[in-house]
Amino acid sequence: MARTAETPPRSFLGEVKDAVTPRATLLVIGVTVLQLLFIASYVGALHHPRPKDVAFGVVAPGGAADRTVARLERLPGKPLDPRALSDEATARERIANRDIDGALLVDPDGTTDTLLIASGGGKTLSNALISLVTELEKDEGRTVRTVDVAPADAQDANGLTPFYLVVGWCVGGYLCASALAISAGARPAGLRRAVIRLATMALVSIVGGLGGAVIVGPVLGALPGSVAALWGLGALITFAVGAATLALQCVFGIVGIGVAVLLVVILGNPSAGGALPPPMLPPFWKAIGPALPPGAGTWSARSIAYFKTNNVTTPLLTLAAWALLGSAITSAAGARRTRPRL
């Protein structure tokens, strides 16, 4: 009987060589880069919080207002951007409209002034204003009492619930879009497939938006405000992020998921004004935050919860732009693949 020759065992290095394809190598390198960018972004944005150009009102009689404004403008590091206001009612209205973050009411007949804050806009910022103004008043031989005109809810202990809610909606958006890519290819096979993906994203957005609003509101009691308004915001955020992720997948293939993570997680979350409100972020992060979905969403969620839905037009338009642009690119890519080749 003829003896069958045995196939020699393959070396470990040979198996590794076959397994690590050029595409896999690029993906591993990409993941490593994202990992390092994640660390750099979060630590870079959040490791040294300090107020910078905080919009701040001053109410004082006569020339005392101008003198106080001038003194605040000369503070080292420019922590405040002060402006004189006519009266307390104006200061409260400007805070409620989110035009300013706090105000000092100077009492000309006594030695105790009043500091107006809004912890619903971020407790870290409110605490920083209290500390700063208390020290300044002490240097002048005066004392200060604090009045919170838009307080964070007692169940929103650190004022972070709006941020965590928005992060959850963003995660739902890019995970759903990523799942669609993994299940049937990153680039849609045609316009019909692109429309189906966008319709799926819309359905997920409606359900996820409602679920998030109900969880933080009626279920946990962690956030006040209109459930309907939060529902609409959640649906818009989820769809905006999902549509943008679908569009990035159409342009870059599976790598588009990584680009979405870069924009939403690595750049978007640290600059969102959640852990640190915008006036306490470094200039770069403060500048890009409002243009990205987490930042626009966090601002809107706080406005709905604590500021009677004031000053949300710009962030909502920003989210709508992400949704429309993502939908347009996804649809155009699908239509192009549907078009017969000549």
C-alpha atoms as a PDB file:
ATOM      1  CA  MET A   1       0.000   0.000   0.000  1.00  0.00           C
ATOM      2  CA  ALA A   2       1.362   3.397  -0.963  1.00  0.00           C
ATOM      3  CA  ARG A   3       2.192   5.587   1.961  1.00  0.00           C
ATOM      4  CA  THR A   4       0.490   8.998   1.984  1.00  0.00           C
ATOM      5  CA  ALA A   5       2.854  11.840   2.579  1.00  0.00           C
ATOM      6  CA  GLU A   6       1.841  13.970   5.562  1.00  0.00           C
ATOM      7  CA  THR A   7       1.477  17.686   5.088  1.00  0.00           C
ATOM      8  CA  PRO A   8       4.159  19.379   7.161  1.00  0.00           C
ATOM      9  CA  PRO A   9       2.770  21.581   9.945  1.00  0.00           C
ATOM     10  CA  ARG A  10       2.650  25.251   9.186  1.00  0.00           C
ATOM     11  CA  SER A  11       4.767  27.575  11.266  1.00  0.00           C
ATOM     12  CA  PHE A  12       3.192  30.060  13.643  1.00  0.00           C
ATOM     13  CA  LEU A  13       4.718  32.960  11.730  1.00  0.00           C
ATOM     14  CA  GLY A  14       3.208  31.652   8.520  1.00  0.00           C
ATOM     15  CA  GLU A  15      -0.253  31.586  10.048  1.00  0.00           C
ATOM     16  CA  VAL A  16       0.179  35.103  11.382  1.00  0.00           C
ATOM     17  CA  LYS A  17       1.298  36.299   7.968  1.00  0.00           C
ATOM     18  CA  ASP A  18      -1.825  34.886   6.333  1.00  0.00           C
ATOM     19  CA  ALA A  19      -4.133  36.245   9.041  1.00  0.00           C
ATOM     20  CA  VAL A  20      -2.752  39.784   9.146  1.00  0.00           C
ATOM     21  CA  THR A  21      -3.766  41.086   5.750  1.00  0.00           C
ATOM     22  CA  PRO A  22      -2.955  44.649   4.655  1.00  0.00           C
ATOM     23  CA  ARG A  23      -6.587  45.625   5.292  1.00  0.00           C
ATOM     24  CA  ALA A  24      -6.534  44.144   8.772  1.00  0.00           C
ATOM     25  CA  THR A  25      -3.245  45.909   9.479  1.00  0.00           C
ATOM     26  CA  LEU A  26      -4.709  49.266   8.478  1.00  0.00           C
ATOM     27  CA  LEU A  27      -7.791  48.682  10.639  1.00  0.00           C
ATOM     28  CA  VAL A  28      -5.647  47.781  13.659  1.00  0.00           C
ATOM     29  CA  ILE A  29      -3.533  50.879  13.129  1.00  0.00           C
ATOM     30  CA  GLY A  30      -6.697  52.961  12.822  1.00  0.00           C
ATOM     31  CA  VAL A  31      -8.102  51.576  16.069  1.00  0.00           C
ATOM     32  CA  THR A  32      -4.831  52.303  17.854  1.00  0.00           C
ATOM     33  CA  VAL A  33      -4.859  55.879  16.579  1.00  0.00           C
ATOM     34  CA  LEU A  34      -8.455  56.329  17.758  1.00  0.00           C
ATOM     35  CA  GLN A  35      -7.491  54.950  21.158  1.00  0.00           C
ATOM     36  CA  LEU A  36      -4.690  57.471  21.556  1.00  0.00           C
ATOM     37  CA  LEU A  37      -6.845  60.319  20.254  1.00  0.00           C
ATOM     38  CA  PHE A  38      -9.537  59.360  22.778  1.00  0.00           C
ATOM     39  CA  ILE A  39      -7.060  59.691  25.646  1.00  0.00           C
ATOM     40  CA  ALA A  40      -5.587  62.932  24.298  1.00  0.00           C
ATOM     41  CA  SER A  41      -8.980  64.542  23.695  1.00  0.00           C
ATOM     42  CA  TYR A  42     -10.611  63.760  27.026  1.00  0.00           C
ATOM     43  CA  VAL A  43      -7.540  64.533  29.124  1.00  0.00           C
ATOM     44  CA  GLY A  44      -6.655  67.579  27.037  1.00  0.00           C
ATOM     45  CA  ALA A  45     -10.125  69.080  27.289  1.00  0.00           C
ATOM     46  CA  LEU A  46     -10.972  68.231  30.888  1.00  0.00           C
ATOM     47  CA  HIS A  47      -7.768  68.003  32.942  1.00  0.00           C
ATOM     48  CA  HIS A  48      -7.412  71.691  33.888  1.00  0.00           C
ATOM     49  CA  PRO A  49     -10.816  73.391  34.161  1.00  0.00           C
ATOM     50  CA  ARG A  50     -10.881  77.136  34.639  1.00  0.00           C
ATOM     51  CA  PRO A  51     -13.381  79.836  33.688  1.00  0.00           C
ATOM     52  CA  LYS A  52     -12.548  81.956  30.667  1.00  0.00           C
ATOM     53  CA  ASP A  53     -14.616  84.874  29.337  1.00  0.00           C
ATOM     54  CA  VAL A  54     -17.725  83.827  31.252  1.00  0.00           C
ATOM     55  CA  ALA A  55     -20.625  86.071  30.214  1.00  0.00           C
ATOM     56  CA  PHE A  56     -21.345  87.961  33.434  1.00  0.00           C
ATOM     57  CA  GLY A  57     -23.678  90.824  34.342  1.00  0.00           C
ATOM     58  CA  VAL A  58     -23.154  93.626  36.847  1.00  0.00           C
ATOM     59  CA  VAL A  59     -25.994  95.635  38.368  1.00  0.00           C
ATOM     60  CA  ALA A  60     -24.925  98.656  40.424  1.00  0.00           C
ATOM     61  CA  PRO A  61     -26.082 102.267  40.825  1.00  0.00           C
ATOM     62  CA  GLY A  62     -24.463 105.137  38.939  1.00  0.00           C
ATOM     63  CA  GLY A  63     -20.794 104.883  38.129  1.00  0.00           C
ATOM     64  CA  ALA A  64     -20.332 101.895  40.451  1.00  0.00           C
ATOM     65  CA  ALA A  65     -21.375  99.549  37.631  1.00  0.00           C
ATOM     66  CA  ASP A  66     -18.680 100.838  35.270  1.00  0.00           C
ATOM     67  CA  ARG A  67     -16.053 100.697  37.995  1.00  0.00           C
ATOM     68  CA  THR A  68     -16.998  97.131  38.883  1.00  0.00           C
ATOM     69  CA  VAL A  69     -16.980  96.070  35.225  1.00  0.00           C
ATOM     70  CA  ALA A  70     -13.552  97.628  34.754  1.00  0.00           C
ATOM     71  CA  ARG A  71     -12.226  95.825  37.847  1.00  0.00           C
ATOM     72  CA  LEU A  72     -13.576  92.479  36.618  1.00  0.00           C
ATOM     73  CA  GLU A  73     -12.098  93.024  33.160  1.00  0.00           C
ATOM     74  CA  ARG A  74      -8.641  93.420  34.697  1.00  0.00           C
ATOM     75  CA  LEU A  75      -8.697  90.058  36.487  1.00  0.00           C
ATOM     76  CA  PRO A  76      -5.707  87.843  35.583  1.00  0.00           C
ATOM     77  CA  GLY A  77      -6.537  85.266  32.937  1.00  0.00           C
ATOM     78  CA  LYS A  78      -9.799  87.063  32.010  1.00  0.00           C
ATOM     79  CA  PRO A  79     -12.142  84.610  33.738  1.00  0.00           C
ATOM     80  CA  LEU A  80     -15.115  86.940  33.203  1.00  0.00           C
ATOM     81  CA  ASP A  81     -16.596  88.854  30.289  1.00  0.00           C
ATOM     82  CA  PRO A  82     -18.550  91.430  32.322  1.00  0.00           C
ATOM     83  CA  ARG A  83     -21.173  93.877  31.122  1.00  0.00           C
ATOM     84  CA  ALA A  84     -23.296  96.440  32.999  1.00  0.00           C
ATOM     85  CA  LEU A  85     -27.032  95.731  33.234  1.00  0.00           C
ATOM     86  CA  SER A  86     -29.800  98.098  34.203  1.00  0.00           C
ATOM     87  CA  ASP A  87     -31.500  96.173  37.010  1.00  0.00           C
ATOM     88  CA  GLU A  88     -32.045  92.797  38.691  1.00  0.00           C
ATOM     89  CA  ALA A  89     -35.018  91.916  36.487  1.00  0.00           C
ATOM     90  CA  THR A  90     -32.866  92.358  33.380  1.00  0.00           C
ATOM     91  CA  ALA A  91     -30.111  90.205  34.890  1.00  0.00           C
ATOM     92  CA  ARG A  92     -32.563  87.415  35.703  1.00  0.00           C
ATOM     93  CA  GLU A  93     -34.067  87.600  32.226  1.00  0.00           C
ATOM     94  CA  ARG A  94     -30.656  87.441  30.550  1.00  0.00           C
ATOM     95  CA  ILE A  95     -29.713  84.399  32.637  1.00  0.00           C
ATOM     96  CA  ALA A  96     -33.030  82.699  31.825  1.00  0.00           C
ATOM     97  CA  ASN A  97     -32.419  83.370  28.119  1.00  0.00           C
ATOM     98  CA  ARG A  98     -28.887  81.912  28.479  1.00  0.00           C
ATOM     99  CA  ASP A  99     -27.301  85.146  27.307  1.00  0.00           C
ATOM    100  CA  ILE A 100     -25.186  85.355  30.479  1.00  0.00           C
ATOM    101  CA  ASP A 101     -24.105  82.754  33.041  1.00  0.00           C
ATOM    102  CA  GLY A 102     -24.332  84.846  36.199  1.00  0.00           C
ATOM    103  CA  ALA A 103     -24.645  88.355  37.577  1.00  0.00           C
ATOM    104  CA  LEU A 104     -23.521  90.401  40.582  1.00  0.00           C
ATOM    105  CA  LEU A 105     -26.022  92.741  42.215  1.00  0.00           C
ATOM    106  CA  VAL A 106     -24.142  95.409  44.165  1.00  0.00           C
ATOM    107  CA  ASP A 107     -25.902  96.814  47.252  1.00  0.00           C
ATOM    108  CA  PRO A 108     -24.883 100.488  47.626  1.00  0.00           C
ATOM    109  CA  ASP A 109     -26.333 100.748  51.135  1.00  0.00           C
ATOM    110  CA  GLY A 110     -24.697  97.670  52.665  1.00  0.00           C
ATOM    111  CA  THR A 111     -21.715  95.355  52.514  1.00  0.00           C
ATOM    112  CA  THR A 112     -23.491  92.241  51.231  1.00  0.00           C
ATOM    113  CA  ASP A 113     -23.959  91.825  47.488  1.00  0.00           C
ATOM    114  CA  THR A 114     -25.964  89.164  45.639  1.00  0.00           C
ATOM    115  CA  LEU A 115     -24.616  86.693  43.119  1.00  0.00           C
ATOM    116  CA  LEU A 116     -27.121  85.237  40.658  1.00  0.00           C
ATOM    117  CA  ILE A 117     -26.172  81.859  39.191  1.00  0.00           C
ATOM    118  CA  ALA A 118     -27.854  79.104  37.156  1.00  0.00           C
ATOM    119  CA  SER A 119     -26.666  75.652  38.216  1.00  0.00           C
ATOM    120  CA  GLY A 120     -28.973  74.122  35.594  1.00  0.00           C
ATOM    121  CA  GLY A 121     -26.446  75.327  33.031  1.00  0.00           C
ATOM    122  CA  GLY A 122     -23.665  73.392  34.734  1.00  0.00           C
ATOM    123  CA  LYS A 123     -22.761  73.047  38.387  1.00  0.00           C
ATOM    124  CA  THR A 124     -19.034  73.190  37.755  1.00  0.00           C
ATOM    125  CA  LEU A 125     -19.386  76.663  36.276  1.00  0.00           C
ATOM    126  CA  SER A 126     -21.745  77.848  39.030  1.00  0.00           C
ATOM    127  CA  ASN A 127     -19.352  76.643  41.719  1.00  0.00           C
ATOM    128  CA  ALA A 128     -16.459  78.378  39.959  1.00  0.00           C
ATOM    129  CA  LEU A 129     -18.391  81.667  39.884  1.00  0.00           C
ATOM    130  CA  ILE A 130     -19.262  81.356  43.567  1.00  0.00           C
ATOM    131  CA  SER A 131     -15.629  80.745  44.484  1.00  0.00           C
ATOM    132  CA  LEU A 132     -14.317  83.560  42.287  1.00  0.00           C
ATOM    133  CA  VAL A 133     -16.834  86.215  43.346  1.00  0.00           C
ATOM    134  CA  THR A 134     -16.598  85.282  47.022  1.00  0.00           C
ATOM    135  CA  GLU A 135     -12.832  85.821  46.922  1.00  0.00           C
ATOM    136  CA  LEU A 136     -13.204  89.124  45.075  1.00  0.00           C
ATOM    137  CA  GLU A 137     -15.785  90.389  47.539  1.00  0.00           C
ATOM    138  CA  LYS A 138     -13.590  89.361  50.445  1.00  0.00           C
ATOM    139  CA  ASP A 139     -10.733  91.445  49.047  1.00  0.00           C
ATOM    140  CA  GLU A 140     -13.097  94.442  49.003  1.00  0.00           C
ATOM    141  CA  GLY A 141     -14.231  93.853  52.577  1.00  0.00           C
ATOM    142  CA  ARG A 142     -17.655  92.725  51.396  1.00  0.00           C
ATOM    143  CA  THR A 143     -19.639  89.500  51.545  1.00  0.00           C
ATOM    144  CA  VAL A 144     -21.876  87.794  48.996  1.00  0.00           C
ATOM    145  CA  ARG A 145     -25.059  85.746  49.120  1.00  0.00           C
ATOM    146  CA  THR A 146     -25.905  83.383  46.288  1.00  0.00           C
ATOM    147  CA  VAL A 147     -29.264  82.996  44.559  1.00  0.00           C
ATOM    148  CA  ASP A 148     -29.753  80.153  42.071  1.00  0.00           C
ATOM    149  CA  VAL A 149     -32.284  81.418  39.521  1.00  0.00           C
ATOM    150  CA  ALA A 150     -32.270  78.229  37.405  1.00  0.00           C
ATOM    151  CA  PRO A 151     -31.313  75.438  39.802  1.00  0.00           C
ATOM    152  CA  ALA A 152     -30.452  71.932  38.683  1.00  0.00           C
ATOM    153  CA  ASP A 153     -32.978  69.374  39.841  1.00  0.00           C
ATOM    154  CA  ALA A 154     -32.308  67.636  43.152  1.00  0.00           C
ATOM    155  CA  GLN A 155     -32.266  64.295  41.295  1.00  0.00           C
ATOM    156  CA  ASP A 156     -29.724  65.671  38.824  1.00  0.00           C
ATOM    157  CA  ALA A 157     -27.028  65.750  41.484  1.00  0.00           C
ATOM    158  CA  ASN A 158     -24.068  66.880  39.387  1.00  0.00           C
ATOM    159  CA  GLY A 159     -26.025  68.519  36.588  1.00  0.00           C
ATOM    160  CA  LEU A 160     -24.819  65.850  34.168  1.00  0.00           C
ATOM    161  CA  THR A 161     -28.085  64.091  33.316  1.00  0.00           C
ATOM    162  CA  PRO A 162     -28.680  66.143  30.118  1.00  0.00           C
ATOM    163  CA  PHE A 163     -25.189  65.243  28.894  1.00  0.00           C
ATOM    164  CA  TYR A 164     -25.515  61.532  29.652  1.00  0.00           C
ATOM    165  CA  LEU A 165     -28.920  61.486  27.978  1.00  0.00           C
ATOM    166  CA  VAL A 166     -27.498  63.044  24.813  1.00  0.00           C
ATOM    167  CA  VAL A 167     -24.527  60.670  24.837  1.00  0.00           C
ATOM    168  CA  GLY A 168     -26.969  57.752  24.943  1.00  0.00           C
ATOM    169  CA  TRP A 169     -28.885  59.095  21.967  1.00  0.00           C
ATOM    170  CA  CYS A 170     -25.637  59.653  20.011  1.00  0.00           C
ATOM    171  CA  VAL A 171     -24.470  56.118  20.779  1.00  0.00           C
ATOM    172  CA  GLY A 172     -27.779  54.756  19.521  1.00  0.00           C
ATOM    173  CA  GLY A 173     -27.348  56.684  16.285  1.00  0.00           C
ATOM    174  CA  TYR A 174     -23.911  55.485  15.290  1.00  0.00           C
ATOM    175  CA  LEU A 175     -24.398  51.936  16.599  1.00  0.00           C
ATOM    176  CA  CYS A 176     -27.562  51.463  14.554  1.00  0.00           C
ATOM    177  CA  ALA A 177     -25.877  52.821  11.438  1.00  0.00           C
ATOM    178  CA  SER A 178     -22.844  50.614  12.099  1.00  0.00           C
ATOM    179  CA  ALA A 179     -25.057  47.547  12.498  1.00  0.00           C
ATOM    180  CA  LEU A 180     -26.675  48.267   9.139  1.00  0.00           C
ATOM    181  CA  ALA A 181     -23.220  48.471   7.559  1.00  0.00           C
ATOM    182  CA  ILE A 182     -21.963  45.258   9.129  1.00  0.00           C
ATOM    183  CA  SER A 183     -25.089  43.322   8.185  1.00  0.00           C
ATOM    184  CA  ALA A 184     -25.296  44.326   4.520  1.00  0.00           C
ATOM    185  CA  GLY A 185     -22.164  46.182   3.478  1.00  0.00           C
ATOM    186  CA  ALA A 186     -21.032  49.693   4.328  1.00  0.00           C
ATOM    187  CA  ARG A 187     -22.112  51.150   0.997  1.00  0.00           C
ATOM    188  CA  PRO A 188     -25.790  50.661   0.068  1.00  0.00           C
ATOM    189  CA  ALA A 189     -26.334  48.629  -3.084  1.00  0.00           C
ATOM    190  CA  GLY A 190     -28.715  51.199  -4.525  1.00  0.00           C
ATOM    191  CA  LEU A 191     -31.131  54.030  -3.848  1.00  0.00           C
ATOM    192  CA  ARG A 192     -33.789  51.636  -2.538  1.00  0.00           C
ATOM    193  CA  ARG A 193     -31.375  50.177   0.004  1.00  0.00           C
ATOM    194  CA  ALA A 194     -30.249  53.683   1.020  1.00  0.00           C
ATOM    195  CA  VAL A 195     -33.854  54.762   1.608  1.00  0.00           C
ATOM    196  CA  ILE A 196     -34.528  51.618   3.644  1.00  0.00           C
ATOM    197  CA  ARG A 197     -31.509  52.375   5.836  1.00  0.00           C
ATOM    198  CA  LEU A 198     -32.601  55.960   6.400  1.00  0.00           C
ATOM    199  CA  ALA A 199     -36.157  54.827   7.163  1.00  0.00           C
ATOM    200  CA  THR A 200     -34.803  52.297   9.652  1.00  0.00           C
ATOM    201  CA  MET A 201     -32.743  55.054  11.269  1.00  0.00           C
ATOM    202  CA  ALA A 202     -35.825  57.260  11.508  1.00  0.00           C
ATOM    203  CA  LEU A 203     -37.817  54.497  13.230  1.00  0.00           C
ATOM    204  CA  VAL A 204     -35.006  53.753  15.670  1.00  0.00           C
ATOM    205  CA  SER A 205     -34.668  57.481  16.361  1.00  0.00           C
ATOM    206  CA  ILE A 206     -38.344  57.879  17.202  1.00  0.00           C
ATOM    207  CA  VAL A 207     -38.331  54.891  19.544  1.00  0.00           C
ATOM    208  CA  GLY A 208     -34.984  55.780  21.133  1.00  0.00           C
ATOM    209  CA  GLY A 209     -35.908  59.414  21.570  1.00  0.00           C
ATOM    210  CA  LEU A 210     -39.114  58.524  23.383  1.00  0.00           C
ATOM    211  CA  GLY A 211     -37.415  55.852  25.476  1.00  0.00           C
ATOM    212  CA  GLY A 212     -34.672  58.210  26.656  1.00  0.00           C
ATOM    213  CA  ALA A 213     -37.132  60.985  27.519  1.00  0.00           C
ATOM    214  CA  VAL A 214     -39.343  58.610  29.490  1.00  0.00           C
ATOM    215  CA  ILE A 215     -36.422  57.027  31.364  1.00  0.00           C
ATOM    216  CA  VAL A 216     -34.919  60.299  32.614  1.00  0.00           C
ATOM    217  CA  GLY A 217     -38.324  61.856  33.229  1.00  0.00           C
ATOM    218  CA  PRO A 218     -41.252  59.768  34.492  1.00  0.00           C
ATOM    219  CA  VAL A 219     -39.247  56.618  35.279  1.00  0.00           C
ATOM    220  CA  LEU A 220     -36.205  57.986  37.154  1.00  0.00           C
ATOM    221  CA  GLY A 221     -37.306  61.554  37.810  1.00  0.00           C
ATOM    222  CA  ALA A 222     -33.748  62.650  37.006  1.00  0.00           C
ATOM    223  CA  LEU A 223     -34.593  65.520  34.676  1.00  0.00           C
ATOM    224  CA  PRO A 224     -37.484  68.008  34.557  1.00  0.00           C
ATOM    225  CA  GLY A 225     -38.879  69.514  31.383  1.00  0.00           C
ATOM    226  CA  SER A 226     -41.354  68.500  28.704  1.00  0.00           C
ATOM    227  CA  VAL A 227     -41.231  64.817  27.808  1.00  0.00           C
ATOM    228  CA  ALA A 228     -42.545  65.682  24.351  1.00  0.00           C
ATOM    229  CA  ALA A 229     -39.797  68.263  23.788  1.00  0.00           C
ATOM    230  CA  LEU A 230     -37.083  65.857  24.970  1.00  0.00           C
ATOM    231  CA  TRP A 231     -38.594  63.137  22.775  1.00  0.00           C
ATOM    232  CA  GLY A 232     -38.332  65.368  19.710  1.00  0.00           C
ATOM    233  CA  LEU A 233     -34.806  66.366  20.608  1.00  0.00           C
ATOM    234  CA  GLY A 234     -33.766  62.747  21.157  1.00  0.00           C
ATOM    235  CA  ALA A 235     -35.214  61.656  17.834  1.00  0.00           C
ATOM    236  CA  LEU A 236     -33.397  64.486  16.044  1.00  0.00           C
ATOM    237  CA  ILE A 237     -30.051  63.764  17.735  1.00  0.00           C
ATOM    238  CA  THR A 238     -30.227  60.024  17.073  1.00  0.00           C
ATOM    239  CA  PHE A 239     -31.198  60.490  13.442  1.00  0.00           C
ATOM    240  CA  ALA A 240     -28.600  63.218  12.865  1.00  0.00           C
ATOM    241  CA  VAL A 241     -25.783  61.015  14.160  1.00  0.00           C
ATOM    242  CA  GLY A 242     -27.126  57.926  12.401  1.00  0.00           C
ATOM    243  CA  ALA A 243     -27.572  59.659   9.043  1.00  0.00           C
ATOM    244  CA  ALA A 244     -24.116  61.201   9.300  1.00  0.00           C
ATOM    245  CA  THR A 245     -22.608  57.783  10.071  1.00  0.00           C
ATOM    246  CA  LEU A 246     -24.392  56.237   7.087  1.00  0.00           C
ATOM    247  CA  ALA A 247     -23.032  59.027   4.887  1.00  0.00           C
ATOM    248  CA  LEU A 248     -19.488  58.532   6.172  1.00  0.00           C
ATOM    249  CA  GLN A 249     -19.802  54.805   5.444  1.00  0.00           C
ATOM    250  CA  CYS A 250     -20.888  55.613   1.895  1.00  0.00           C
ATOM    251  CA  VAL A 251     -17.798  57.775   1.418  1.00  0.00           C
ATOM    252  CA  PHE A 252     -15.154  55.791   3.327  1.00  0.00           C
ATOM    253  CA  GLY A 253     -16.613  52.285   3.554  1.00  0.00           C
ATOM    254  CA  ILE A 254     -16.255  50.465   6.861  1.00  0.00           C
ATOM    255  CA  VAL A 255     -13.632  53.052   7.899  1.00  0.00           C
ATOM    256  CA  GLY A 256     -16.512  55.539   8.024  1.00  0.00           C
ATOM    257  CA  ILE A 257     -17.526  54.016  11.356  1.00  0.00           C
ATOM    258  CA  GLY A 258     -14.164  55.076  12.753  1.00  0.00           C
ATOM    259  CA  VAL A 259     -14.603  58.576  11.325  1.00  0.00           C
ATOM    260  CA  ALA A 260     -18.004  58.786  13.012  1.00  0.00           C
ATOM    261  CA  VAL A 261     -16.445  57.750  16.338  1.00  0.00           C
ATOM    262  CA  LEU A 262     -13.784  60.415  15.817  1.00  0.00           C
ATOM    263  CA  LEU A 263     -16.357  63.164  15.249  1.00  0.00           C
ATOM    264  CA  VAL A 264     -18.985  62.162  17.807  1.00  0.00           C
ATOM    265  CA  VAL A 265     -17.022  60.488  20.615  1.00  0.00           C
ATOM    266  CA  ILE A 266     -13.448  61.766  20.445  1.00  0.00           C
ATOM    267  CA  LEU A 267     -14.186  65.346  19.375  1.00  0.00           C
ATOM    268  CA  GLY A 268     -17.861  65.675  20.266  1.00  0.00           C
ATOM    269  CA  ASN A 269     -18.144  64.395  23.828  1.00  0.00           C
ATOM    270  CA  PRO A 270     -15.293  66.350  25.495  1.00  0.00           C
ATOM    271  CA  SER A 271     -16.428  69.579  23.796  1.00  0.00           C
ATOM    272  CA  ALA A 272     -20.145  69.057  24.495  1.00  0.00           C
ATOM    273  CA  GLY A 273     -20.216  71.162  27.662  1.00  0.00           C
ATOM    274  CA  GLY A 274     -21.346  68.243  29.794  1.00  0.00           C
ATOM    275  CA  ALA A 275     -18.582  67.548  32.286  1.00  0.00           C
ATOM    276  CA  LEU A 276     -17.363  71.133  31.868  1.00  0.00           C
ATOM    277  CA  PRO A 277     -19.673  73.889  30.559  1.00  0.00           C
ATOM    278  CA  PRO A 278     -18.334  75.745  27.482  1.00  0.00           C
ATOM    279  CA  PRO A 279     -16.838  78.740  29.374  1.00  0.00           C
ATOM    280  CA  MET A 280     -14.557  76.336  31.260  1.00  0.00           C
ATOM    281  CA  LEU A 281     -13.225  74.488  28.215  1.00  0.00           C
ATOM    282  CA  PRO A 282      -9.948  75.272  26.418  1.00  0.00           C
ATOM    283  CA  PRO A 283     -10.446  77.526  23.346  1.00  0.00           C
ATOM    284  CA  PHE A 284     -10.297  74.741  20.723  1.00  0.00           C
ATOM    285  CA  TRP A 285     -12.892  72.580  22.469  1.00  0.00           C
ATOM    286  CA  LYS A 286     -15.105  75.559  23.244  1.00  0.00           C
ATOM    287  CA  ALA A 287     -15.047  76.530  19.551  1.00  0.00           C
ATOM    288  CA  ILE A 288     -15.933  73.153  18.012  1.00  0.00           C
ATOM    289  CA  GLY A 289     -18.483  71.994  20.595  1.00  0.00           C
ATOM    290  CA  PRO A 290     -21.560  73.866  19.305  1.00  0.00           C
ATOM    291  CA  ALA A 291     -21.006  72.544  15.760  1.00  0.00           C
ATOM    292  CA  LEU A 292     -21.060  68.854  16.754  1.00  0.00           C
ATOM    293  CA  PRO A 293     -24.145  66.805  17.713  1.00  0.00           C
ATOM    294  CA  PRO A 294     -23.191  66.164  21.388  1.00  0.00           C
ATOM    295  CA  GLY A 295     -22.622  69.859  22.025  1.00  0.00           C
ATOM    296  CA  ALA A 296     -25.736  71.049  20.217  1.00  0.00           C
ATOM    297  CA  GLY A 297     -27.754  68.316  21.926  1.00  0.00           C
ATOM    298  CA  THR A 298     -26.463  68.982  25.445  1.00  0.00           C
ATOM    299  CA  TRP A 299     -27.170  72.705  25.157  1.00  0.00           C
ATOM    300  CA  SER A 300     -30.705  71.989  23.914  1.00  0.00           C
ATOM    301  CA  ALA A 301     -31.425  69.384  26.595  1.00  0.00           C
ATOM    302  CA  ARG A 302     -30.379  71.798  29.353  1.00  0.00           C
ATOM    303  CA  SER A 303     -32.493  74.541  27.832  1.00  0.00           C
ATOM    304  CA  ILE A 304     -35.531  72.269  27.748  1.00  0.00           C
ATOM    305  CA  ALA A 305     -34.995  71.085  31.318  1.00  0.00           C
ATOM    306  CA  TYR A 306     -34.012  74.300  33.084  1.00  0.00           C
ATOM    307  CA  PHE A 307     -34.422  77.367  30.864  1.00  0.00           C
ATOM    308  CA  LYS A 308     -37.965  77.089  29.456  1.00  0.00           C
ATOM    309  CA  THR A 309     -36.619  75.969  26.050  1.00  0.00           C
ATOM    310  CA  ASN A 310     -34.874  79.328  25.537  1.00  0.00           C
ATOM    311  CA  ASN A 311     -32.047  79.833  23.040  1.00  0.00           C
ATOM    312  CA  VAL A 312     -32.299  76.520  21.188  1.00  0.00           C
ATOM    313  CA  THR A 313     -32.771  77.733  17.609  1.00  0.00           C
ATOM    314  CA  THR A 314     -29.113  77.571  16.589  1.00  0.00           C
ATOM    315  CA  PRO A 315     -28.335  74.150  18.114  1.00  0.00           C
ATOM    316  CA  LEU A 316     -31.498  72.646  16.632  1.00  0.00           C
ATOM    317  CA  LEU A 317     -30.580  74.022  13.198  1.00  0.00           C
ATOM    318  CA  THR A 318     -27.124  72.500  13.650  1.00  0.00           C
ATOM    319  CA  LEU A 319     -28.614  69.080  14.356  1.00  0.00           C
ATOM    320  CA  ALA A 320     -31.017  69.440  11.428  1.00  0.00           C
ATOM    321  CA  ALA A 321     -28.079  70.261   9.143  1.00  0.00           C
ATOM    322  CA  TRP A 322     -26.280  67.057  10.191  1.00  0.00           C
ATOM    323  CA  ALA A 323     -29.461  65.067   9.547  1.00  0.00           C
ATOM    324  CA  LEU A 324     -30.178  66.628   6.146  1.00  0.00           C
ATOM    325  CA  LEU A 325     -26.599  66.477   4.907  1.00  0.00           C
ATOM    326  CA  GLY A 326     -26.196  62.869   6.043  1.00  0.00           C
ATOM    327  CA  SER A 327     -29.463  61.891   4.348  1.00  0.00           C
ATOM    328  CA  ALA A 328     -28.535  63.687   1.141  1.00  0.00           C
ATOM    329  CA  ILE A 329     -25.098  62.053   0.863  1.00  0.00           C
ATOM    330  CA  THR A 330     -26.500  58.603   1.659  1.00  0.00           C
ATOM    331  CA  SER A 331     -29.269  58.982  -0.934  1.00  0.00           C
ATOM    332  CA  ALA A 332     -26.911  60.370  -3.562  1.00  0.00           C
ATOM    333  CA  ALA A 333     -24.476  57.489  -3.042  1.00  0.00           C
ATOM    334  CA  GLY A 334     -27.307  54.984  -3.372  1.00  0.00           C
ATOM    335  CA  ALA A 335     -28.617  56.651  -6.529  1.00  0.00           C
ATOM    336  CA  ARG A 336     -25.167  56.612  -8.075  1.00  0.00           C
ATOM    337  CA  ARG A 337     -24.818  52.874  -7.506  1.00  0.00           C
ATOM    338  CA  THR A 338     -28.299  52.323  -8.950  1.00  0.00           C
ATOM    339  CA  ARG A 339     -27.509  54.227 -12.162  1.00  0.00           C
ATOM    340  CA  PRO A 340     -26.710  51.795 -15.018  1.00  0.00           C
ATOM    341  CA  ARG A 341     -23.166  51.946 -16.326  1.00  0.00           C
ATOM    342  CA  LEU A 342     -22.705  52.790 -20.011  1.00  0.00           C
END
